C-alpha atoms as a PDB file:
ATOM      1  CA  ASP A   1      10.880   0.363 -24.645  1.00  0.00           C
ATOM      2  CA  TRP A   2      10.973  -1.949 -21.639  1.00  0.00           C
ATOM      3  CA  GLY A   3      10.247  -1.107 -18.034  1.00  0.00           C
ATOM      4  CA  LEU A   4       8.288   2.069 -18.792  1.00  0.00           C
ATOM      5  CA  ASP A   5       5.145   3.272 -17.067  1.00  0.00           C
ATOM      6  CA  ALA A   6       2.240   1.349 -18.645  1.00  0.00           C
ATOM      7  CA  VAL A   7       0.139   4.524 -18.635  1.00  0.00           C
ATOM      8  CA  ASN A   8       2.164   5.589 -21.683  1.00  0.00           C
ATOM      9  CA  VAL A   9       1.353   2.403 -23.616  1.00  0.00           C
ATOM     10  CA  SER A  10      -1.856   1.906 -25.601  1.00  0.00           C
ATOM     11  CA  PRO A  11      -4.269   0.135 -25.149  1.00  0.00           C
ATOM     12  CA  ALA A  12      -2.930  -0.791 -21.703  1.00  0.00           C
ATOM     13  CA  SER A  13      -3.434   2.807 -20.582  1.00  0.00           C
ATOM     14  CA  ALA A  14      -7.193   2.784 -21.232  1.00  0.00           C
ATOM     15  CA  PRO A  15      -9.128   3.237 -17.959  1.00  0.00           C
ATOM     16  CA  GLU A  16     -11.407   0.298 -18.809  1.00  0.00           C
ATOM     17  CA  ALA A  17      -8.533  -2.079 -19.597  1.00  0.00           C
ATOM     18  CA  ILE A  18      -7.222  -4.741 -17.242  1.00  0.00           C
ATOM     19  CA  THR A  19      -3.514  -4.016 -17.609  1.00  0.00           C
ATOM     20  CA  VAL A  20      -1.250  -7.063 -17.538  1.00  0.00           C
ATOM     21  CA  ALA A  21       2.441  -7.402 -16.726  1.00  0.00           C
ATOM     22  CA  ALA A  22       4.456 -10.441 -17.821  1.00  0.00           C
ATOM     23  CA  SER A  23       6.057 -12.858 -15.355  1.00  0.00           C
ATOM     24  CA  ASP A  24       8.333 -15.834 -15.980  1.00  0.00           C
ATOM     25  CA  GLN A  25       8.231 -19.473 -14.857  1.00  0.00           C
ATOM     26  CA  ASN A  26       9.839 -18.500 -11.546  1.00  0.00           C
ATOM     27  CA  ASP A  27       7.251 -15.809 -10.765  1.00  0.00           C
ATOM     28  CA  GLN A  28       9.819 -13.105 -11.479  1.00  0.00           C
ATOM     29  CA  MET A  29       9.105 -10.036 -13.581  1.00  0.00           C
ATOM     30  CA  THR A  30      10.405 -10.325 -17.139  1.00  0.00           C
ATOM     31  CA  LEU A  31      12.843  -7.755 -18.465  1.00  0.00           C
ATOM     32  CA  PHE A  32      10.447  -6.677 -21.214  1.00  0.00           C
ATOM     33  CA  SER A  33       7.406  -5.980 -19.036  1.00  0.00           C
ATOM     34  CA  ASN A  34       6.240  -2.463 -18.276  1.00  0.00           C
ATOM     35  CA  ILE A  35       5.329  -1.290 -14.779  1.00  0.00           C
ATOM     36  CA  GLY A  36       3.405   1.391 -12.914  1.00  0.00           C
ATOM     37  CA  PRO A  37       0.170   2.146 -11.055  1.00  0.00           C
ATOM     38  CA  LYS A  38      -1.921   1.042 -14.060  1.00  0.00           C
ATOM     39  CA  ILE A  39      -0.774  -2.598 -13.706  1.00  0.00           C
ATOM     40  CA  ASP A  40      -3.641  -4.765 -12.427  1.00  0.00           C
ATOM     41  CA  VAL A  41      -2.051  -8.217 -12.402  1.00  0.00           C
ATOM     42  CA  ALA A  42       0.761 -10.276 -13.877  1.00  0.00           C
ATOM     43  CA  ALA A  43       0.483 -13.447 -15.952  1.00  0.00           C
ATOM     44  CA  PRO A  44       2.971 -15.868 -17.545  1.00  0.00           C
ATOM     45  CA  GLY A  45       4.541 -14.236 -20.590  1.00  0.00           C
ATOM     46  CA  GLU A  46       7.919 -15.866 -21.167  1.00  0.00           C
ATOM     47  CA  ASP A  47       8.461 -18.927 -23.381  1.00  0.00           C
ATOM     48  CA  ILE A  48       4.759 -19.512 -24.028  1.00  0.00           C
ATOM     49  CA  LEU A  49       3.563 -21.954 -26.692  1.00  0.00           C
ATOM     50  CA  SER A  50       1.705 -19.798 -29.201  1.00  0.00           C
ATOM     51  CA  LEU A  51      -0.487 -20.448 -32.235  1.00  0.00           C
ATOM     52  CA  LYS A  52       1.901 -18.473 -34.401  1.00  0.00           C
ATOM     53  CA  SER A  53       2.971 -20.548 -37.368  1.00  0.00           C
ATOM     54  CA  SER A  54       6.686 -21.146 -37.656  1.00  0.00           C
ATOM     55  CA  VAL A  55       6.294 -21.042 -41.441  1.00  0.00           C
ATOM     56  CA  ASP A  56       5.021 -17.454 -41.454  1.00  0.00           C
ATOM     57  CA  SER A  57       7.274 -16.072 -38.747  1.00  0.00           C
ATOM     58  CA  GLY A  58      10.678 -14.583 -39.379  1.00  0.00           C
ATOM     59  CA  ASP A  59      11.605 -14.742 -35.701  1.00  0.00           C
ATOM     60  CA  CYS A  60      10.747 -18.384 -35.016  1.00  0.00           C
ATOM     61  CA  TYR A  61      14.163 -20.024 -34.918  1.00  0.00           C
ATOM     62  CA  PRO A  62      14.514 -23.817 -34.829  1.00  0.00           C
ATOM     63  CA  GLU A  63      15.168 -23.788 -31.086  1.00  0.00           C
ATOM     64  CA  ARG A  64      11.876 -21.938 -30.573  1.00  0.00           C
ATOM     65  CA  THR A  65       9.816 -24.224 -32.820  1.00  0.00           C
ATOM     66  CA  VAL A  66       7.566 -26.926 -31.364  1.00  0.00           C
ATOM     67  CA  GLY A  67       6.565 -29.913 -33.472  1.00  0.00           C
ATOM     68  CA  THR A  68       7.919 -28.169 -36.605  1.00  0.00           C
ATOM     69  CA  ASN A  69       4.784 -26.000 -36.663  1.00  0.00           C
ATOM     70  CA  TYR A  70       4.410 -23.580 -33.791  1.00  0.00           C
ATOM     71  CA  CYS A  71       6.490 -20.918 -32.099  1.00  0.00           C
ATOM     72  CA  VAL A  72       7.411 -20.416 -28.471  1.00  0.00           C
ATOM     73  CA  GLN A  73       6.947 -16.689 -27.907  1.00  0.00           C
ATOM     74  CA  SER A  74       7.584 -14.164 -25.136  1.00  0.00           C
ATOM     75  CA  GLY A  75       5.941 -10.815 -24.437  1.00  0.00           C
ATOM     76  CA  THR A  76       3.096  -9.107 -22.675  1.00  0.00           C
ATOM     77  CA  SER A  77       1.118 -10.170 -25.742  1.00  0.00           C
ATOM     78  CA  MET A  78       1.552 -13.707 -24.396  1.00  0.00           C
ATOM     79  CA  ALA A  79       0.572 -12.703 -20.846  1.00  0.00           C
ATOM     80  CA  ALA A  80      -2.583 -10.773 -21.712  1.00  0.00           C
ATOM     81  CA  PRO A  81      -4.423 -13.766 -23.309  1.00  0.00           C
ATOM     82  CA  HIS A  82      -4.119 -15.683 -20.030  1.00  0.00           C
ATOM     83  CA  VAL A  83      -6.085 -12.906 -18.328  1.00  0.00           C
ATOM     84  CA  ALA A  84      -8.584 -12.620 -21.187  1.00  0.00           C
ATOM     85  CA  GLY A  85      -9.210 -16.354 -20.898  1.00  0.00           C
ATOM     86  CA  LEU A  86      -9.750 -16.064 -17.157  1.00  0.00           C
ATOM     87  CA  ALA A  87     -12.188 -13.195 -17.691  1.00  0.00           C
ATOM     88  CA  ALA A  88     -14.131 -15.323 -20.199  1.00  0.00           C
ATOM     89  CA  LEU A  89     -14.296 -18.196 -17.703  1.00  0.00           C
ATOM     90  CA  LEU A  90     -15.648 -15.872 -15.018  1.00  0.00           C
ATOM     91  CA  PHE A  91     -18.326 -14.479 -17.318  1.00  0.00           C
ATOM     92  CA  SER A  92     -19.319 -18.027 -18.302  1.00  0.00           C
ATOM     93  CA  LYS A  93     -19.702 -18.965 -14.627  1.00  0.00           C
ATOM     94  CA  ASN A  94     -21.788 -15.905 -13.807  1.00  0.00           C
ATOM     95  CA  PRO A  95     -23.158 -13.970 -16.812  1.00  0.00           C
ATOM     96  CA  SER A  96     -24.573 -11.315 -14.473  1.00  0.00           C
ATOM     97  CA  PHE A  97     -21.065 -10.077 -13.642  1.00  0.00           C
ATOM     98  CA  THR A  98     -20.155  -6.575 -14.707  1.00  0.00           C
ATOM     99  CA  ASN A  99     -16.749  -5.803 -16.187  1.00  0.00           C
ATOM    100  CA  GLU A 100     -15.760  -4.299 -12.841  1.00  0.00           C
ATOM    101  CA  ASP A 101     -16.852  -7.455 -10.978  1.00  0.00           C
ATOM    102  CA  VAL A 102     -14.496  -9.467 -13.150  1.00  0.00           C
ATOM    103  CA  ARG A 103     -11.647  -7.011 -12.664  1.00  0.00           C
ATOM    104  CA  GLN A 104     -12.088  -7.152  -8.877  1.00  0.00           C
ATOM    105  CA  ILE A 105     -12.168 -10.959  -8.827  1.00  0.00           C
ATOM    106  CA  ILE A 106      -9.012 -11.205 -10.935  1.00  0.00           C
ATOM    107  CA  ARG A 107      -7.278  -8.737  -8.621  1.00  0.00           C
ATOM    108  CA  SER A 108      -8.563 -10.212  -5.351  1.00  0.00           C
ATOM    109  CA  SER A 109      -7.708 -13.818  -6.235  1.00  0.00           C
ATOM    110  CA  ALA A 110      -4.191 -13.099  -7.540  1.00  0.00           C
ATOM    111  CA  TYR A 111      -1.161 -14.689  -5.899  1.00  0.00           C
ATOM    112  CA  ASP A 112       0.725 -11.831  -4.266  1.00  0.00           C
ATOM    113  CA  LEU A 113       4.243 -11.269  -5.623  1.00  0.00           C
ATOM    114  CA  GLY A 114       6.836  -8.580  -4.978  1.00  0.00           C
ATOM    115  CA  ASN A 115       6.179  -6.164  -2.148  1.00  0.00           C
ATOM    116  CA  PRO A 116       3.259  -7.219   0.106  1.00  0.00           C
ATOM    117  CA  GLY A 117      -0.051  -5.996  -1.278  1.00  0.00           C
ATOM    118  CA  ARG A 118      -0.441  -4.122  -4.522  1.00  0.00           C
ATOM    119  CA  ASP A 119       2.788  -2.843  -6.075  1.00  0.00           C
ATOM    120  CA  ASN A 120       3.834  -1.151  -9.308  1.00  0.00           C
ATOM    121  CA  THR A 121       5.633  -4.220 -10.667  1.00  0.00           C
ATOM    122  CA  PHE A 122       3.113  -7.075 -10.328  1.00  0.00           C
ATOM    123  CA  GLY A 123      -0.049  -5.111  -9.523  1.00  0.00           C
ATOM    124  CA  TYR A 124      -2.086  -7.351  -7.229  1.00  0.00           C
ATOM    125  CA  GLY A 125       0.016 -10.393  -8.166  1.00  0.00           C
ATOM    126  CA  ARG A 126       0.104 -13.267 -10.631  1.00  0.00           C
ATOM    127  CA  ILE A 127      -3.323 -14.537 -11.665  1.00  0.00           C
ATOM    128  CA  ASP A 128      -4.643 -17.686  -9.973  1.00  0.00           C
ATOM    129  CA  VAL A 129      -7.344 -19.240 -12.148  1.00  0.00           C
ATOM    130  CA  GLY A 130      -8.362 -21.936  -9.664  1.00  0.00           C
ATOM    131  CA  LYS A 131      -8.825 -19.451  -6.846  1.00  0.00           C
ATOM    132  CA  ALA A 132     -10.619 -16.945  -9.066  1.00  0.00           C
ATOM    133  CA  LEU A 133     -13.229 -19.531 -10.040  1.00  0.00           C
ATOM    134  CA  THR A 134     -14.119 -20.022  -6.378  1.00  0.00           C
ATOM    135  CA  TYR A 135     -15.104 -16.347  -6.191  1.00  0.00           C
ATOM    136  CA  THR A 136     -17.958 -16.516  -8.698  1.00  0.00           C
ATOM    137  CA  ASN A 137     -20.651 -16.056  -6.038  1.00  0.00           C
ATOM    138  CA  ASN A 138     -18.812 -13.322  -4.144  1.00  0.00           C
ATOM    139  CA  LYS A 139     -19.908  -9.706  -4.022  1.00  0.00           C
ATOM    140  CA  PHE A 140     -17.345  -6.988  -4.601  1.00  0.00           C
ATOM    141  CA  LEU A 141     -17.289  -3.255  -4.189  1.00  0.00           C
ATOM    142  CA  THR A 142     -17.014  -0.994  -7.214  1.00  0.00           C
ATOM    143  CA  THR A 143     -14.465   1.821  -6.971  1.00  0.00           C
ATOM    144  CA  LYS A 144     -14.062   4.163  -9.897  1.00  0.00           C
ATOM    145  CA  ILE A 145     -13.026   7.775 -10.406  1.00  0.00           C
ATOM    146  CA  THR A 146     -14.628   9.140 -13.577  1.00  0.00           C
ATOM    147  CA  GLN A 147     -13.573  12.792 -13.200  1.00  0.00           C
ATOM    148  CA  PRO A 148     -10.933  14.072 -13.481  1.00  0.00           C
ATOM    149  CA  VAL A 149      -9.692  11.909 -16.315  1.00  0.00           C
ATOM    150  CA  ARG A 150      -5.990  11.247 -16.730  1.00  0.00           C
ATOM    151  CA  ARG A 151      -3.822  14.334 -17.399  1.00  0.00           C
ATOM    152  CA  THR A 152      -6.536  16.837 -16.512  1.00  0.00           C
ATOM    153  CA  GLU A 153      -5.270  20.301 -15.575  1.00  0.00           C
ATOM    154  CA  ILE A 154      -6.935  21.576 -12.401  1.00  0.00           C
ATOM    155  CA  LYS A 155      -6.566  25.197 -11.339  1.00  0.00           C
ATOM    156  CA  SER A 156      -9.216  25.759  -8.672  1.00  0.00           C
ATOM    157  CA  SER A 157     -11.860  24.031  -6.540  1.00  0.00           C
ATOM    158  CA  TYR A 158     -12.740  20.743  -8.194  1.00  0.00           C
ATOM    159  CA  GLN A 159     -15.347  18.022  -7.718  1.00  0.00           C
ATOM    160  CA  ILE A 160     -14.028  14.463  -7.897  1.00  0.00           C
ATOM    161  CA  LEU A 161     -16.748  12.301  -9.451  1.00  0.00           C
ATOM    162  CA  GLY A 162     -17.157   8.544  -9.473  1.00  0.00           C
ATOM    163  CA  THR A 163     -18.537   5.478  -7.711  1.00  0.00           C
ATOM    164  CA  ALA A 164     -17.829   3.744  -4.415  1.00  0.00           C
ATOM    165  CA  THR A 165     -20.579   1.258  -3.636  1.00  0.00           C
ATOM    166  CA  GLY A 166     -21.594  -2.403  -3.519  1.00  0.00           C
ATOM    167  CA  SER A 167     -22.778  -5.143  -1.196  1.00  0.00           C
ATOM    168  CA  ASN A 168     -21.351  -4.915   2.341  1.00  0.00           C
ATOM    169  CA  PHE A 169     -20.092  -1.364   1.722  1.00  0.00           C
ATOM    170  CA  ALA A 170     -18.695   0.286   4.864  1.00  0.00           C
ATOM    171  CA  SER A 171     -16.779   3.402   3.838  1.00  0.00           C
ATOM    172  CA  TYR A 172     -14.558   5.051   1.257  1.00  0.00           C
ATOM    173  CA  LYS A 173     -11.730   7.558   1.212  1.00  0.00           C
ATOM    174  CA  VAL A 174     -10.114   9.725  -1.442  1.00  0.00           C
ATOM    175  CA  GLU A 175      -6.394  10.495  -1.250  1.00  0.00           C
ATOM    176  CA  ILE A 176      -3.897  12.497  -3.277  1.00  0.00           C
ATOM    177  CA  GLY A 177      -0.167  11.940  -3.778  1.00  0.00           C
ATOM    178  CA  LEU A 178       2.602  13.745  -5.605  1.00  0.00           C
ATOM    179  CA  GLY A 179       3.769  12.239  -8.900  1.00  0.00           C
ATOM    180  CA  ARG A 180       2.739   9.212 -10.924  1.00  0.00           C
ATOM    181  CA  MET A 181       3.941   6.782  -8.242  1.00  0.00           C
ATOM    182  CA  PRO A 182       3.459   8.618  -4.923  1.00  0.00           C
ATOM    183  CA  ALA A 183       5.631   7.662  -1.980  1.00  0.00           C
ATOM    184  CA  SER A 184       2.961   8.936   0.428  1.00  0.00           C
ATOM    185  CA  TRP A 185      -0.701   9.898   0.357  1.00  0.00           C
ATOM    186  CA  THR A 186      -2.765  12.712   1.911  1.00  0.00           C
ATOM    187  CA  GLN A 187      -6.427  12.100   2.619  1.00  0.00           C
ATOM    188  CA  ILE A 188      -8.856  14.532   1.004  1.00  0.00           C
ATOM    189  CA  THR A 189     -12.054  13.060   2.430  1.00  0.00           C
ATOM    190  CA  SER A 190     -13.702   9.942   3.830  1.00  0.00           C
ATOM    191  CA  SER A 191     -17.337   8.913   4.105  1.00  0.00           C
ATOM    192  CA  GLY A 192     -19.551   6.112   5.347  1.00  0.00           C
ATOM    193  CA  SER A 193     -22.137   6.742   2.625  1.00  0.00           C
ATOM    194  CA  PRO A 194     -21.923   4.966  -0.743  1.00  0.00           C
ATOM    195  CA  VAL A 195     -21.766   7.022  -3.927  1.00  0.00           C
ATOM    196  CA  GLU A 196     -22.898   5.921  -7.381  1.00  0.00           C
ATOM    197  CA  ASN A 197     -22.036   8.177 -10.315  1.00  0.00           C
ATOM    198  CA  GLY A 198     -21.842  11.159  -8.022  1.00  0.00           C
ATOM    199  CA  THR A 199     -19.511  13.465  -6.110  1.00  0.00           C
ATOM    200  CA  LEU A 200     -16.877  11.651  -4.075  1.00  0.00           C
ATOM    201  CA  ALA A 201     -15.005  14.699  -2.823  1.00  0.00           C
ATOM    202  CA  THR A 202     -14.272  18.359  -3.453  1.00  0.00           C
ATOM    203  CA  PHE A 203     -10.834  19.847  -3.051  1.00  0.00           C
ATOM    204  CA  ASP A 204      -9.105  23.129  -3.797  1.00  0.00           C
ATOM    205  CA  SER A 205      -6.045  22.613  -5.976  1.00  0.00           C
ATOM    206  CA  ALA A 206      -4.846  26.104  -5.071  1.00  0.00           C
ATOM    207  CA  THR A 207      -3.711  24.690  -1.721  1.00  0.00           C
ATOM    208  CA  LEU A 208      -1.170  22.472  -3.502  1.00  0.00           C
ATOM    209  CA  PRO A 209       2.153  23.394  -5.122  1.00  0.00           C
ATOM    210  CA  ASN A 210       2.150  23.139  -8.907  1.00  0.00           C
ATOM    211  CA  GLY A 211       2.991  19.650 -10.102  1.00  0.00           C
ATOM    212  CA  ARG A 212       1.645  16.309 -11.253  1.00  0.00           C
ATOM    213  CA  TYR A 213      -0.564  14.447  -8.778  1.00  0.00           C
ATOM    214  CA  THR A 214      -2.339  11.111  -8.556  1.00  0.00           C
ATOM    215  CA  LEU A 215      -5.748  10.535  -6.972  1.00  0.00           C
ATOM    216  CA  ARG A 216      -6.588   7.269  -5.203  1.00  0.00           C
ATOM    217  CA  LEU A 217     -10.043   6.007  -4.238  1.00  0.00           C
ATOM    218  CA  THR A 218     -10.292   3.164  -1.698  1.00  0.00           C
ATOM    219  CA  ALA A 219     -13.548   1.545  -0.578  1.00  0.00           C
ATOM    220  CA  THR A 220     -13.732  -0.789   2.425  1.00  0.00           C
ATOM    221  CA  ASP A 221     -16.387  -3.431   3.054  1.00  0.00           C
ATOM    222  CA  THR A 222     -17.842  -4.576   6.359  1.00  0.00           C
ATOM    223  CA  PHE A 223     -15.257  -7.381   6.515  1.00  0.00           C
ATOM    224  CA  GLY A 224     -12.409  -4.873   6.413  1.00  0.00           C
ATOM    225  CA  LYS A 225     -11.336  -5.678   2.845  1.00  0.00           C
ATOM    226  CA  ASP A 226     -10.108  -2.759   0.752  1.00  0.00           C
ATOM    227  CA  TYR A 227     -10.817  -2.211  -2.932  1.00  0.00           C
END
């Protein structure tokens, strides 16, 4: 099923996963790519030379065969390896990076596509390997909500747990919006104190109408950059 919310697709929906959309050679979104708030970045995924053998593939037609041996393939399965390769390059440049450091570099260095800033089609944009490799000495903030996990039912006062910290930390805020892709956000709390594996905010769900909501954590550094 194309164009569905990536949160319903495994393993793309995993909180730890860098979720990748597929773009074409014109930096347009492909018809087969999924979308949604879980998308981190996009990467080329249409007409990609693969290592799939034409001999063993029932869908590798002559016009999609290169050198009689290999298939040209399309899919998010072609886009994701570009991002995995970039992640490996970043770890090789700086083995001290955490997984979240690498995620933030890949996001921050991406070439913005679609609506300005992060959007539900391209995430933070199409990956830019050259730019990402210039960020290997940069420090990034970590922003993570660990509780509640996805699809948690909340009926009363609730503590939102997680992390908002890092070098050059300035502040963080927690917001809530109606639906999976909120059109607007309401601030629950803000703070100038970093939090690591602790309580980010407390809110009373009884003040909200019944429904599905999304929480958003944003941390800002001393240079004014949001994460």
